C-alpha atoms as a PDB file:
ATOM      1  CA  MET A   1      67.737 -38.514 -40.165  1.00  0.00           C
ATOM      2  CA  GLN A   2      68.079 -36.532 -36.930  1.00  0.00           C
ATOM      3  CA  LEU A   3      65.022 -34.414 -37.669  1.00  0.00           C
ATOM      4  CA  LYS A   4      62.476 -37.154 -37.059  1.00  0.00           C
ATOM      5  CA  PRO A   5      63.240 -37.816 -33.371  1.00  0.00           C
ATOM      6  CA  ARG A   6      63.241 -34.053 -32.716  1.00  0.00           C
ATOM      7  CA  LYS A   7      59.851 -33.746 -34.417  1.00  0.00           C
ATOM      8  CA  LYS A   8      58.446 -36.600 -32.324  1.00  0.00           C
ATOM      9  CA  GLN A   9      59.804 -35.032 -29.164  1.00  0.00           C
ATOM     10  CA  THR A  10      58.311 -31.671 -30.098  1.00  0.00           C
ATOM     11  CA  LEU A  11      54.885 -33.182 -30.792  1.00  0.00           C
ATOM     12  CA  ARG A  12      55.028 -35.172 -27.556  1.00  0.00           C
ATOM     13  CA  TYR A  13      55.930 -32.004 -25.616  1.00  0.00           C
ATOM     14  CA  ARG A  14      53.119 -30.044 -27.215  1.00  0.00           C
ATOM     15  CA  TYR A  15      50.638 -32.827 -26.439  1.00  0.00           C
ATOM     16  CA  LYS A  16      51.695 -32.957 -22.778  1.00  0.00           C
ATOM     17  CA  LYS A  17      51.475 -29.173 -22.539  1.00  0.00           C
ATOM     18  CA  HIS A  18      48.019 -29.153 -24.148  1.00  0.00           C
ATOM     19  CA  LYS A  19      46.841 -31.954 -21.833  1.00  0.00           C
ATOM     20  CA  LYS A  20      48.120 -30.069 -18.814  1.00  0.00           C
ATOM     21  CA  SER A  21      46.416 -26.909 -20.025  1.00  0.00           C
ATOM     22  CA  LEU A  22      43.133 -28.794 -20.410  1.00  0.00           C
ATOM     23  CA  ARG A  23      43.422 -30.109 -16.865  1.00  0.00           C
ATOM     24  CA  TRP A  24      43.990 -26.609 -15.521  1.00  0.00           C
ATOM     25  CA  GLY A  25      41.099 -25.287 -17.604  1.00  0.00           C
ATOM     26  CA  ARG A  26      38.771 -27.989 -16.302  1.00  0.00           C
ATOM     27  CA  LEU A  27      39.929 -27.367 -12.756  1.00  0.00           C
ATOM     28  CA  THR A  28      39.351 -23.626 -13.137  1.00  0.00           C
ATOM     29  CA  LEU A  29      35.911 -24.225 -14.610  1.00  0.00           C
ATOM     30  CA  PHE A  30      35.085 -26.615 -11.778  1.00  0.00           C
ATOM     31  CA  LEU A  31      36.203 -24.097  -9.160  1.00  0.00           C
ATOM     32  CA  VAL A  32      34.195 -21.292 -10.784  1.00  0.00           C
ATOM     33  CA  PHE A  33      31.109 -23.492 -11.045  1.00  0.00           C
ATOM     34  CA  SER A  34      31.549 -24.661  -7.450  1.00  0.00           C
ATOM     35  CA  GLY A  35      31.919 -21.060  -6.282  1.00  0.00           C
ATOM     36  CA  LEU A  36      28.748 -20.013  -8.085  1.00  0.00           C
ATOM     37  CA  LEU A  37      26.909 -23.019  -6.674  1.00  0.00           C
ATOM     38  CA  VAL A  38      28.049 -22.236  -3.122  1.00  0.00           C
ATOM     39  CA  PHE A  39      27.128 -18.555  -3.601  1.00  0.00           C
ATOM     40  CA  GLY A  40      23.709 -19.479  -4.962  1.00  0.00           C
ATOM     41  CA  LEU A  41      23.064 -21.944  -2.130  1.00  0.00           C
ATOM     42  CA  ALA A  42      24.175 -19.356   0.427  1.00  0.00           C
ATOM     43  CA  ARG A  43      21.760 -16.805  -1.026  1.00  0.00           C
ATOM     44  CA  LEU A  44      18.974 -19.380  -1.157  1.00  0.00           C
ATOM     45  CA  ILE A  45      19.573 -20.310   2.463  1.00  0.00           C
ATOM     46  CA  GLY A  46      19.658 -16.600   3.341  1.00  0.00           C
ATOM     47  CA  TYR A  47      16.300 -16.046   1.627  1.00  0.00           C
ATOM     48  CA  GLY A  48      14.874 -19.027   3.493  1.00  0.00           C
ATOM     49  CA  VAL A  49      16.132 -17.753   6.833  1.00  0.00           C
ATOM     50  CA  ASP A  50      14.744 -14.278   6.108  1.00  0.00           C
ATOM     51  CA  LEU A  51      11.385 -15.714   5.058  1.00  0.00           C
ATOM     52  CA  PHE A  52      11.171 -17.805   8.230  1.00  0.00           C
ATOM     53  CA  SER A  53      12.174 -14.793  10.342  1.00  0.00           C
ATOM     54  CA  SER A  54       9.666 -12.544   8.559  1.00  0.00           C
ATOM     55  CA  ARG A  55       6.813 -14.979   9.118  1.00  0.00           C
ATOM     56  CA  ARG A  56       7.756 -15.465  12.752  1.00  0.00           C
ATOM     57  CA  THR A  57       7.794 -11.685  13.289  1.00  0.00           C
ATOM     58  CA  SER A  58       4.362 -11.402  11.654  1.00  0.00           C
ATOM     59  CA  GLN A  59       2.946 -14.192  13.802  1.00  0.00           C
ATOM     60  CA  GLU A  60       4.355 -12.757  17.024  1.00  0.00           C
ATOM     61  CA  LEU A  61       3.062  -9.263  16.273  1.00  0.00           C
ATOM     62  CA  ARG A  62      -0.321 -10.694  15.324  1.00  0.00           C
ATOM     63  CA  ALA A  63      -0.472 -12.558  18.644  1.00  0.00           C
ATOM     64  CA  LEU A  64       0.155  -9.248  20.430  1.00  0.00           C
ATOM     65  CA  TYR A  65      -2.436  -7.494  18.265  1.00  0.00           C
ATOM     66  CA  ASP A  66      -5.067 -10.160  18.928  1.00  0.00           C
ATOM     67  CA  SER A  67      -4.284 -10.384  22.641  1.00  0.00           C
ATOM     68  CA  SER A  68      -5.852  -7.020  23.365  1.00  0.00           C
ATOM     69  CA  THR A  69      -9.515  -6.236  22.799  1.00  0.00           C
ATOM     70  CA  PRO A  70      -9.857  -2.948  20.910  1.00  0.00           C
ATOM     71  CA  GLN A  71     -11.299  -0.134  23.010  1.00  0.00           C
ATOM     72  CA  PRO A  72     -12.488   2.578  20.640  1.00  0.00           C
ATOM     73  CA  THR A  73     -12.821   6.009  22.095  1.00  0.00           C
ATOM     74  CA  ALA A  74     -16.380   7.253  22.349  1.00  0.00           C
ATOM     75  CA  ALA A  75     -17.260  10.283  20.316  1.00  0.00           C
ATOM     76  CA  GLU A  76     -17.464  13.550  22.186  1.00  0.00           C
ATOM     77  CA  PRO A  77     -21.062  14.583  22.900  1.00  0.00           C
ATOM     78  CA  ALA A  78     -22.314  17.417  20.782  1.00  0.00           C
ATOM     79  CA  PRO A  79     -22.581  20.702  22.696  1.00  0.00           C
ATOM     80  CA  ALA A  80     -26.076  21.498  23.982  1.00  0.00           C
ATOM     81  CA  PRO A  81     -27.837  24.076  21.857  1.00  0.00           C
ATOM     82  CA  THR A  82     -27.995  27.511  23.450  1.00  0.00           C
ATOM     83  CA  GLU A  83     -31.186  29.550  23.431  1.00  0.00           C
ATOM     84  CA  SER A  84     -31.182  32.353  20.904  1.00  0.00           C
ATOM     85  CA  PRO A  85     -31.991  35.748  22.388  1.00  0.00           C
ATOM     86  CA  ALA A  86     -35.471  37.000  21.609  1.00  0.00           C
ATOM     87  CA  PRO A  87     -35.537  39.589  18.858  1.00  0.00           C
ATOM     88  CA  PRO A  88     -35.925  43.155  20.184  1.00  0.00           C
ATOM     89  CA  GLU A  89     -39.328  44.892  19.963  1.00  0.00           C
ATOM     90  CA  PRO A  90     -39.539  47.006  16.821  1.00  0.00           C
ATOM     91  CA  THR A  91     -39.213  50.763  17.426  1.00  0.00           C
ATOM     92  CA  ALA A  92     -40.672  53.594  15.458  1.00  0.00           C
ATOM     93  CA  ALA A  93     -37.357  54.148  13.748  1.00  0.00           C
ATOM     94  CA  ALA A  94     -37.206  50.504  12.842  1.00  0.00           C
ATOM     95  CA  GLU A  95     -40.703  50.636  11.427  1.00  0.00           C
ATOM     96  CA  ALA A  96     -39.655  53.337   9.003  1.00  0.00           C
ATOM     97  CA  SER A  97     -38.542  52.081   5.617  1.00  0.00           C
ATOM     98  CA  PRO A  98     -34.738  51.812   5.574  1.00  0.00           C
ATOM     99  CA  PRO A  99     -32.799  53.347   2.699  1.00  0.00           C
ATOM    100  CA  PRO A 100     -32.040  50.935  -0.138  1.00  0.00           C
ATOM    101  CA  ALA A 101     -28.856  48.936   0.515  1.00  0.00           C
ATOM    102  CA  ALA A 102     -25.941  49.319  -1.852  1.00  0.00           C
ATOM    103  CA  GLU A 103     -25.311  46.463  -4.265  1.00  0.00           C
ATOM    104  CA  PRO A 104     -22.672  44.106  -2.765  1.00  0.00           C
ATOM    105  CA  SER A 105     -19.394  43.783  -4.614  1.00  0.00           C
ATOM    106  CA  PRO A 106     -19.017  40.453  -6.403  1.00  0.00           C
ATOM    107  CA  VAL A 107     -17.005  37.953  -4.351  1.00  0.00           C
ATOM    108  CA  PRO A 108     -14.617  35.693  -6.297  1.00  0.00           C
ATOM    109  CA  THR A 109     -15.751  32.074  -6.207  1.00  0.00           C
ATOM    110  CA  ALA A 110     -13.306  29.852  -4.292  1.00  0.00           C
ATOM    111  CA  ARG A 111     -12.253  26.591  -5.903  1.00  0.00           C
ATOM    112  CA  PRO A 112     -13.991  23.519  -4.507  1.00  0.00           C
ATOM    113  CA  LYS A 113     -12.070  21.984  -1.636  1.00  0.00           C
ATOM    114  CA  LEU A 114     -12.494  18.761   0.327  1.00  0.00           C
ATOM    115  CA  PRO A 115     -12.615  19.476   4.065  1.00  0.00           C
ATOM    116  CA  ALA A 116     -10.305  17.841   6.592  1.00  0.00           C
ATOM    117  CA  ILE A 117     -12.221  15.114   8.423  1.00  0.00           C
ATOM    118  CA  ALA A 118     -11.617  14.352  12.080  1.00  0.00           C
ATOM    119  CA  TYR A 119     -11.944  10.736  13.209  1.00  0.00           C
ATOM    120  CA  PRO A 120     -15.683  10.470  13.951  1.00  0.00           C
ATOM    121  CA  ASN A 121     -15.339   8.207  17.008  1.00  0.00           C
ATOM    122  CA  ASN A 122     -11.969   9.503  18.140  1.00  0.00           C
ATOM    123  CA  PRO A 123     -11.759  13.301  17.732  1.00  0.00           C
ATOM    124  CA  LYS A 124      -8.930  13.583  20.278  1.00  0.00           C
ATOM    125  CA  ARG A 125      -6.855  10.974  18.397  1.00  0.00           C
ATOM    126  CA  GLN A 126      -6.284   8.601  21.299  1.00  0.00           C
ATOM    127  CA  ILE A 127      -4.205   5.598  20.220  1.00  0.00           C
ATOM    128  CA  ASN A 128      -6.152   2.356  20.313  1.00  0.00           C
ATOM    129  CA  SER A 129      -5.122  -0.026  23.117  1.00  0.00           C
ATOM    130  CA  ARG A 130      -4.065  -2.703  20.594  1.00  0.00           C
ATOM    131  CA  PHE A 131      -1.517  -0.371  19.081  1.00  0.00           C
ATOM    132  CA  ARG A 132      -0.153   0.797  22.411  1.00  0.00           C
ATOM    133  CA  ILE A 133       1.079  -2.785  22.872  1.00  0.00           C
ATOM    134  CA  LEU A 134       2.429  -3.058  19.321  1.00  0.00           C
ATOM    135  CA  ARG A 135       4.216   0.287  19.531  1.00  0.00           C
ATOM    136  CA  GLN A 136       6.208  -1.001  22.478  1.00  0.00           C
ATOM    137  CA  GLU A 137       7.819  -3.275  19.876  1.00  0.00           C
ATOM    138  CA  ASN A 138       8.274  -0.491  17.321  1.00  0.00           C
ATOM    139  CA  LYS A 139       7.123   3.136  17.518  1.00  0.00           C
ATOM    140  CA  ASP A 140       6.888   3.200  13.694  1.00  0.00           C
ATOM    141  CA  ILE A 141       3.835   0.889  13.699  1.00  0.00           C
ATOM    142  CA  VAL A 142       0.805   2.913  12.594  1.00  0.00           C
ATOM    143  CA  GLY A 143      -1.674   0.296  11.406  1.00  0.00           C
ATOM    144  CA  TRP A 144      -2.662  -3.296  10.757  1.00  0.00           C
ATOM    145  CA  LEU A 145      -3.582  -4.733   7.345  1.00  0.00           C
ATOM    146  CA  SER A 146      -5.776  -7.826   6.935  1.00  0.00           C
ATOM    147  CA  ILE A 147      -6.734  -9.563   3.684  1.00  0.00           C
ATOM    148  CA  ASN A 148      -8.548 -12.873   3.976  1.00  0.00           C
ATOM    149  CA  ARG A 149      -6.093 -15.816   3.738  1.00  0.00           C
ATOM    150  CA  LEU A 150      -3.393 -13.553   2.275  1.00  0.00           C
ATOM    151  CA  VAL A 151      -2.073 -10.849   4.582  1.00  0.00           C
ATOM    152  CA  GLU A 152      -1.923 -10.273   8.336  1.00  0.00           C
ATOM    153  CA  GLU A 153       0.765  -7.635   8.765  1.00  0.00           C
ATOM    154  CA  ALA A 154       1.679  -4.628  10.871  1.00  0.00           C
ATOM    155  CA  VAL A 155       2.008  -1.442   8.825  1.00  0.00           C
ATOM    156  CA  VAL A 156       4.843   0.964   9.586  1.00  0.00           C
ATOM    157  CA  GLN A 157       5.688   4.527   8.556  1.00  0.00           C
ATOM    158  CA  ARG A 158       9.129   6.089   8.501  1.00  0.00           C
ATOM    159  CA  ASN A 159      10.444   6.912   5.018  1.00  0.00           C
ATOM    160  CA  HIS A 160      10.523   5.290   1.578  1.00  0.00           C
ATOM    161  CA  THR A 161      13.742   3.298   2.020  1.00  0.00           C
ATOM    162  CA  TYR A 162      14.223   1.960   5.548  1.00  0.00           C
ATOM    163  CA  TYR A 163      11.524  -0.728   5.443  1.00  0.00           C
ATOM    164  CA  LEU A 164      12.593  -2.010   2.053  1.00  0.00           C
ATOM    165  CA  ASP A 165      15.092  -4.216   3.899  1.00  0.00           C
ATOM    166  CA  HIS A 166      13.879  -4.167   7.521  1.00  0.00           C
ATOM    167  CA  ASP A 167      10.934  -6.000   9.045  1.00  0.00           C
ATOM    168  CA  ALA A 168       8.283  -4.495  11.321  1.00  0.00           C
ATOM    169  CA  ARG A 169      10.589  -5.007  14.313  1.00  0.00           C
ATOM    170  CA  ARG A 170      13.432  -3.139  12.549  1.00  0.00           C
ATOM    171  CA  ASN A 171      15.472  -6.293  11.969  1.00  0.00           C
ATOM    172  CA  GLU A 172      17.313  -6.507   8.642  1.00  0.00           C
ATOM    173  CA  ASN A 173      15.269  -8.685   6.314  1.00  0.00           C
ATOM    174  CA  VAL A 174      15.132  -8.950   2.520  1.00  0.00           C
ATOM    175  CA  ASN A 175      11.309  -9.233   2.674  1.00  0.00           C
ATOM    176  CA  GLY A 176      11.043  -5.782   4.227  1.00  0.00           C
ATOM    177  CA  ALA A 177       7.724  -4.644   5.697  1.00  0.00           C
ATOM    178  CA  ILE A 178       4.493  -3.062   4.519  1.00  0.00           C
ATOM    179  CA  PHE A 179       4.761   0.683   4.975  1.00  0.00           C
ATOM    180  CA  LEU A 180       2.550   3.749   4.667  1.00  0.00           C
ATOM    181  CA  ASP A 181       3.613   6.536   2.328  1.00  0.00           C
ATOM    182  CA  VAL A 182       5.546   9.107   4.346  1.00  0.00           C
ATOM    183  CA  ALA A 183       3.487  11.941   2.817  1.00  0.00           C
ATOM    184  CA  VAL A 184       0.246  10.539   4.272  1.00  0.00           C
ATOM    185  CA  SER A 185      -0.635  12.328   7.494  1.00  0.00           C
ATOM    186  CA  LEU A 186      -2.813  10.646  10.127  1.00  0.00           C
ATOM    187  CA  LYS A 187      -3.654  13.878  11.956  1.00  0.00           C
ATOM    188  CA  THR A 188      -7.038  13.717  10.258  1.00  0.00           C
ATOM    189  CA  ARG A 189      -8.628  10.858   8.304  1.00  0.00           C
ATOM    190  CA  PRO A 190      -6.579  10.684   5.073  1.00  0.00           C
ATOM    191  CA  TYR A 191      -8.521  10.710   1.821  1.00  0.00           C
ATOM    192  CA  THR A 192      -6.070   8.156   0.397  1.00  0.00           C
ATOM    193  CA  LEU A 193      -3.903   5.622   2.219  1.00  0.00           C
ATOM    194  CA  LEU A 194      -0.952   4.446   0.084  1.00  0.00           C
ATOM    195  CA  LEU A 195       0.636   1.192   1.299  1.00  0.00           C
ATOM    196  CA  TYR A 196       3.772  -0.307  -0.267  1.00  0.00           C
ATOM    197  CA  GLY A 197       5.273  -3.792  -0.009  1.00  0.00           C
ATOM    198  CA  HIS A 198       7.710  -6.021  -1.904  1.00  0.00           C
ATOM    199  CA  ASN A 199       6.448  -8.286  -4.683  1.00  0.00           C
ATOM    200  CA  MET A 200       8.106 -11.408  -3.246  1.00  0.00           C
ATOM    201  CA  LYS A 201       8.038 -14.598  -5.350  1.00  0.00           C
ATOM    202  CA  THR A 202       7.266 -16.563  -2.180  1.00  0.00           C
ATOM    203  CA  GLY A 203       4.008 -14.616  -1.861  1.00  0.00           C
ATOM    204  CA  ALA A 204       5.246 -12.763   1.225  1.00  0.00           C
ATOM    205  CA  MET A 205       4.285  -9.120   1.751  1.00  0.00           C
ATOM    206  CA  PHE A 206       2.537  -7.956  -1.461  1.00  0.00           C
ATOM    207  CA  GLY A 207       3.680 -10.885  -3.589  1.00  0.00           C
ATOM    208  CA  CYS A 208       0.219 -12.318  -2.890  1.00  0.00           C
ATOM    209  CA  LEU A 209      -1.533  -9.482  -4.752  1.00  0.00           C
ATOM    210  CA  ARG A 210      -1.001 -11.317  -8.043  1.00  0.00           C
ATOM    211  CA  ASN A 211      -3.869 -13.597  -6.931  1.00  0.00           C
ATOM    212  CA  TYR A 212      -6.274 -10.761  -7.720  1.00  0.00           C
ATOM    213  CA  GLU A 213      -5.466 -11.087 -11.421  1.00  0.00           C
ATOM    214  CA  THR A 214      -7.658 -14.212 -11.337  1.00  0.00           C
ATOM    215  CA  ALA A 215     -11.296 -13.115 -11.675  1.00  0.00           C
ATOM    216  CA  GLY A 216     -12.654 -15.902  -9.464  1.00  0.00           C
ATOM    217  CA  PHE A 217     -10.322 -14.996  -6.626  1.00  0.00           C
ATOM    218  CA  TYR A 218     -11.216 -11.310  -6.847  1.00  0.00           C
ATOM    219  CA  ARG A 219     -14.960 -11.991  -6.779  1.00  0.00           C
ATOM    220  CA  SER A 220     -14.552 -14.233  -3.723  1.00  0.00           C
ATOM    221  CA  ASN A 221     -12.197 -11.909  -1.815  1.00  0.00           C
ATOM    222  CA  PRO A 222     -13.335  -8.294  -2.278  1.00  0.00           C
ATOM    223  CA  TRP A 223     -12.699  -7.137   1.302  1.00  0.00           C
ATOM    224  CA  VAL A 224      -9.688  -5.473   2.894  1.00  0.00           C
ATOM    225  CA  SER A 225      -9.392  -4.301   6.505  1.00  0.00           C
ATOM    226  CA  PHE A 226      -6.992  -1.585   7.540  1.00  0.00           C
ATOM    227  CA  ASP A 227      -7.001  -0.381  11.127  1.00  0.00           C
ATOM    228  CA  SER A 228      -4.930   2.697  11.876  1.00  0.00           C
ATOM    229  CA  ILE A 229      -3.811   3.625  15.370  1.00  0.00           C
ATOM    230  CA  TYR A 230      -6.862   5.908  15.556  1.00  0.00           C
ATOM    231  CA  GLU A 231      -9.714   3.988  13.923  1.00  0.00           C
ATOM    232  CA  GLU A 232     -10.795   0.737  12.292  1.00  0.00           C
ATOM    233  CA  GLY A 233     -11.643   0.558   8.603  1.00  0.00           C
ATOM    234  CA  ARG A 234     -13.200  -1.908   6.167  1.00  0.00           C
ATOM    235  CA  TYR A 235     -12.834  -1.471   2.414  1.00  0.00           C
ATOM    236  CA  VAL A 236     -14.239  -2.998  -0.780  1.00  0.00           C
ATOM    237  CA  ILE A 237     -11.912  -3.525  -3.758  1.00  0.00           C
ATOM    238  CA  PHE A 238     -13.058  -1.725  -6.910  1.00  0.00           C
ATOM    239  CA  ALA A 239      -9.961  -1.859  -9.173  1.00  0.00           C
ATOM    240  CA  VAL A 240      -7.076  -4.276  -9.795  1.00  0.00           C
ATOM    241  CA  GLY A 241      -4.369  -3.832 -12.409  1.00  0.00           C
ATOM    242  CA  GLU A 242      -1.083  -2.176 -13.353  1.00  0.00           C
ATOM    243  CA  ILE A 243      -0.702   1.601 -13.382  1.00  0.00           C
ATOM    244  CA  GLY A 244       2.043   3.865 -14.690  1.00  0.00           C
ATOM    245  CA  VAL A 245       3.796   6.008 -12.086  1.00  0.00           C
ATOM    246  CA  VAL A 246       5.744   8.172 -14.551  1.00  0.00           C
ATOM    247  CA  PRO A 247       3.992  10.811 -16.700  1.00  0.00           C
ATOM    248  CA  GLY A 248       3.461   9.453 -20.189  1.00  0.00           C
ATOM    249  CA  ALA A 249       3.538   5.808 -19.083  1.00  0.00           C
ATOM    250  CA  LYS A 250       0.656   3.494 -19.937  1.00  0.00           C
ATOM    251  CA  ASN A 251      -2.306   3.803 -17.533  1.00  0.00           C
ATOM    252  CA  TYR A 252      -0.592   6.684 -15.716  1.00  0.00           C
ATOM    253  CA  VAL A 253      -2.166   7.635 -12.381  1.00  0.00           C
ATOM    254  CA  ASP A 254      -0.962  10.655 -10.411  1.00  0.00           C
ATOM    255  CA  LEU A 255      -0.842   9.301  -6.865  1.00  0.00           C
ATOM    256  CA  TYR A 256      -0.252  12.809  -5.498  1.00  0.00           C
ATOM    257  CA  PHE A 257      -3.613  14.022  -6.810  1.00  0.00           C
ATOM    258  CA  LEU A 258      -5.356  11.039  -5.220  1.00  0.00           C
ATOM    259  CA  ASN A 259      -4.580  12.687  -1.879  1.00  0.00           C
ATOM    260  CA  SER A 260      -5.415  16.174  -3.106  1.00  0.00           C
ATOM    261  CA  ASP A 261      -8.137  18.266  -1.471  1.00  0.00           C
ATOM    262  CA  ASN A 262      -9.290  19.260  -4.963  1.00  0.00           C
ATOM    263  CA  PRO A 263     -12.304  17.007  -5.692  1.00  0.00           C
ATOM    264  CA  LEU A 264     -12.096  17.483  -9.476  1.00  0.00           C
ATOM    265  CA  LYS A 265      -8.456  16.402  -9.690  1.00  0.00           C
ATOM    266  CA  ARG A 266      -9.099  13.553  -7.288  1.00  0.00           C
ATOM    267  CA  GLN A 267     -12.084  12.304  -9.290  1.00  0.00           C
ATOM    268  CA  ASN A 268      -9.978  12.375 -12.481  1.00  0.00           C
ATOM    269  CA  GLU A 269      -7.369  10.080 -10.904  1.00  0.00           C
ATOM    270  CA  ILE A 270     -10.070   7.762  -9.539  1.00  0.00           C
ATOM    271  CA  SER A 271     -11.398   7.486 -13.088  1.00  0.00           C
ATOM    272  CA  ALA A 272      -7.863   6.710 -14.307  1.00  0.00           C
ATOM    273  CA  LEU A 273      -7.656   3.913 -11.721  1.00  0.00           C
ATOM    274  CA  VAL A 274     -10.970   2.474 -12.917  1.00  0.00           C
ATOM    275  CA  ARG A 275      -9.838   2.593 -16.567  1.00  0.00           C
ATOM    276  CA  ALA A 276      -6.611   0.754 -15.698  1.00  0.00           C
ATOM    277  CA  SER A 277      -8.467  -2.027 -13.878  1.00  0.00           C
ATOM    278  CA  LEU A 278      -8.609  -5.568 -15.249  1.00  0.00           C
ATOM    279  CA  TYR A 279     -12.294  -5.640 -14.306  1.00  0.00           C
ATOM    280  CA  THR A 280     -15.379  -3.554 -14.903  1.00  0.00           C
ATOM    281  CA  CYS A 281     -16.745  -3.256 -11.376  1.00  0.00           C
ATOM    282  CA  PRO A 282     -20.089  -1.490 -10.679  1.00  0.00           C
ATOM    283  CA  VAL A 283     -18.999  -0.286  -7.214  1.00  0.00           C
ATOM    284  CA  ASP A 284     -19.476   3.488  -7.102  1.00  0.00           C
ATOM    285  CA  VAL A 285     -16.445   5.579  -6.078  1.00  0.00           C
ATOM    286  CA  GLN A 286     -16.582   9.336  -5.490  1.00  0.00           C
ATOM    287  CA  ALA A 287     -13.986  11.993  -4.678  1.00  0.00           C
ATOM    288  CA  THR A 288     -15.342  12.203  -1.125  1.00  0.00           C
ATOM    289  CA  ASP A 289     -14.669   8.500  -0.439  1.00  0.00           C
ATOM    290  CA  GLN A 290     -11.622   7.365   1.513  1.00  0.00           C
ATOM    291  CA  LEU A 291      -9.379   5.120  -0.592  1.00  0.00           C
ATOM    292  CA  LEU A 292      -6.883   2.408   0.299  1.00  0.00           C
ATOM    293  CA  LEU A 293      -4.251   1.554  -2.349  1.00  0.00           C
ATOM    294  CA  LEU A 294      -1.936  -1.449  -2.062  1.00  0.00           C
ATOM    295  CA  LEU A 295       1.081  -0.982  -4.366  1.00  0.00           C
ATOM    296  CA  THR A 296       3.956  -3.253  -5.354  1.00  0.00           C
ATOM    297  CA  CYS A 297       6.583  -3.350  -8.083  1.00  0.00           C
ATOM    298  CA  VAL A 298       6.432  -5.294 -11.361  1.00  0.00           C
ATOM    299  CA  GLU A 299       9.032  -5.991 -14.060  1.00  0.00           C
ATOM    300  CA  ASP A 300       8.518  -2.538 -15.576  1.00  0.00           C
ATOM    301  CA  ASP A 301      10.195   0.049 -13.315  1.00  0.00           C
ATOM    302  CA  ASN A 302       7.716   2.689 -14.498  1.00  0.00           C
ATOM    303  CA  ALA A 303       4.677   0.651 -13.428  1.00  0.00           C
ATOM    304  CA  ARG A 304       3.167  -0.748 -10.238  1.00  0.00           C
ATOM    305  CA  ARG A 305       0.607  -3.442  -9.501  1.00  0.00           C
ATOM    306  CA  VAL A 306      -2.287  -1.883  -7.594  1.00  0.00           C
ATOM    307  CA  VAL A 307      -5.242  -3.176  -5.632  1.00  0.00           C
ATOM    308  CA  ALA A 308      -7.536  -0.212  -4.960  1.00  0.00           C
ATOM    309  CA  ALA A 309     -10.367  -0.231  -2.425  1.00  0.00           C
ATOM    310  CA  ARG A 310     -12.748   2.325  -0.969  1.00  0.00           C
ATOM    311  CA  ARG A 311     -14.028   2.621   2.560  1.00  0.00           C
ATOM    312  CA  ILE A 312     -17.528   1.271   3.175  1.00  0.00           C
ATOM    313  CA  ARG A 313     -19.854   4.230   3.597  1.00  0.00           C
ATOM    314  CA  ASP A 314     -22.028   4.721   6.682  1.00  0.00           C
ATOM    315  CA  GLY A 315     -25.244   2.747   6.334  1.00  0.00           C
ATOM    316  CA  GLU A 316     -24.032   0.871   3.254  1.00  0.00           C
ATOM    317  CA  ASN A 317     -25.100  -2.761   2.904  1.00  0.00           C
ATOM    318  CA  GLU A 318     -22.079  -5.064   2.567  1.00  0.00           C
ATOM    319  CA  LYS A 319     -24.149  -7.755   0.865  1.00  0.00           C
ATOM    320  CA  ASP A 320     -25.081  -5.311  -1.900  1.00  0.00           C
ATOM    321  CA  LEU A 321     -21.418  -4.442  -2.397  1.00  0.00           C
ATOM    322  CA  GLU A 322     -20.463  -8.127  -2.463  1.00  0.00           C
ATOM    323  CA  ASN A 323     -23.085  -8.794  -5.125  1.00  0.00           C
ATOM    324  CA  ALA A 324     -21.798  -5.830  -7.138  1.00  0.00           C
ATOM    325  CA  VAL A 325     -18.274  -7.260  -7.103  1.00  0.00           C
ATOM    326  CA  LYS A 326     -19.591 -10.679  -8.128  1.00  0.00           C
ATOM    327  CA  GLY A 327     -21.112  -8.999 -11.155  1.00  0.00           C
ATOM    328  CA  SER A 328     -17.760  -7.575 -12.296  1.00  0.00           C
ATOM    329  CA  LYS A 329     -16.359  -8.765 -15.611  1.00  0.00           C
ATOM    330  CA  LYS A 330     -12.819  -9.091 -16.894  1.00  0.00           C
ATOM    331  CA  ARG A 331     -12.031  -6.642 -19.705  1.00  0.00           C
END
């Protein structure tokens, strides 16, 4: 008879212990959830603050850039031609038939090579007045990128890591800045300008490049302007898509060869860019053209989204190029 009360007491004890355990479990779960919520909100607020700061920096630098009228340096005048000396009067010895010349030794043919090109209107590489003002803010500023309704940003050059988390004023910022590949030299006009920027979901930096995957947007916005510290430049977009940056990857393009002085290798990589494009665009692109590539990351670490443009050639009609882009078709 004494077993029953003990059994009831045991069950009651176990129930209380289980109830207490549930309370602690719920409390722990609540605290964990609250912690994650606070952490998520803190990160969200941080992203918002960084986005606001990034946009403010862009606007302030743009105001400085627009405040000064560009003063391009005039090209140096070509040297006056000198008079060639008159050929000497032929002598009797000269009139005599000379002995037959020996056959010249065959000279090995040099591989084709693209020449270095000085800036046509700025051979002494004087920094444009606009950039003298900007470089007081940051000596790393080397250019300005403009895409209609999408991008108005200073372009910096330092290395491949610093501006991943610093803005164009060198303040820490998750949006980073748009930067020029460190291997690209501005001592002469580069054959290829490689610009990198984060693929931000807010559309900041190069997050806006996803707009070019819509055919209508591409046809209506084929122009990109990039002014370096030494010269202004206007470019027409001829390819948009995703390229592989690792050998063997789909649509692999060797970015190194795009800046090569070997025209054959360069033309091969231009062709690879065209094949990788979402559109068939009739704009002609040759190895001698200057290219501008805008690159950003995608979900695949071995790939990059690219918007590729070429510099408008001297004497080229922009309306003809615009019509050519309008005739492009999505593959």
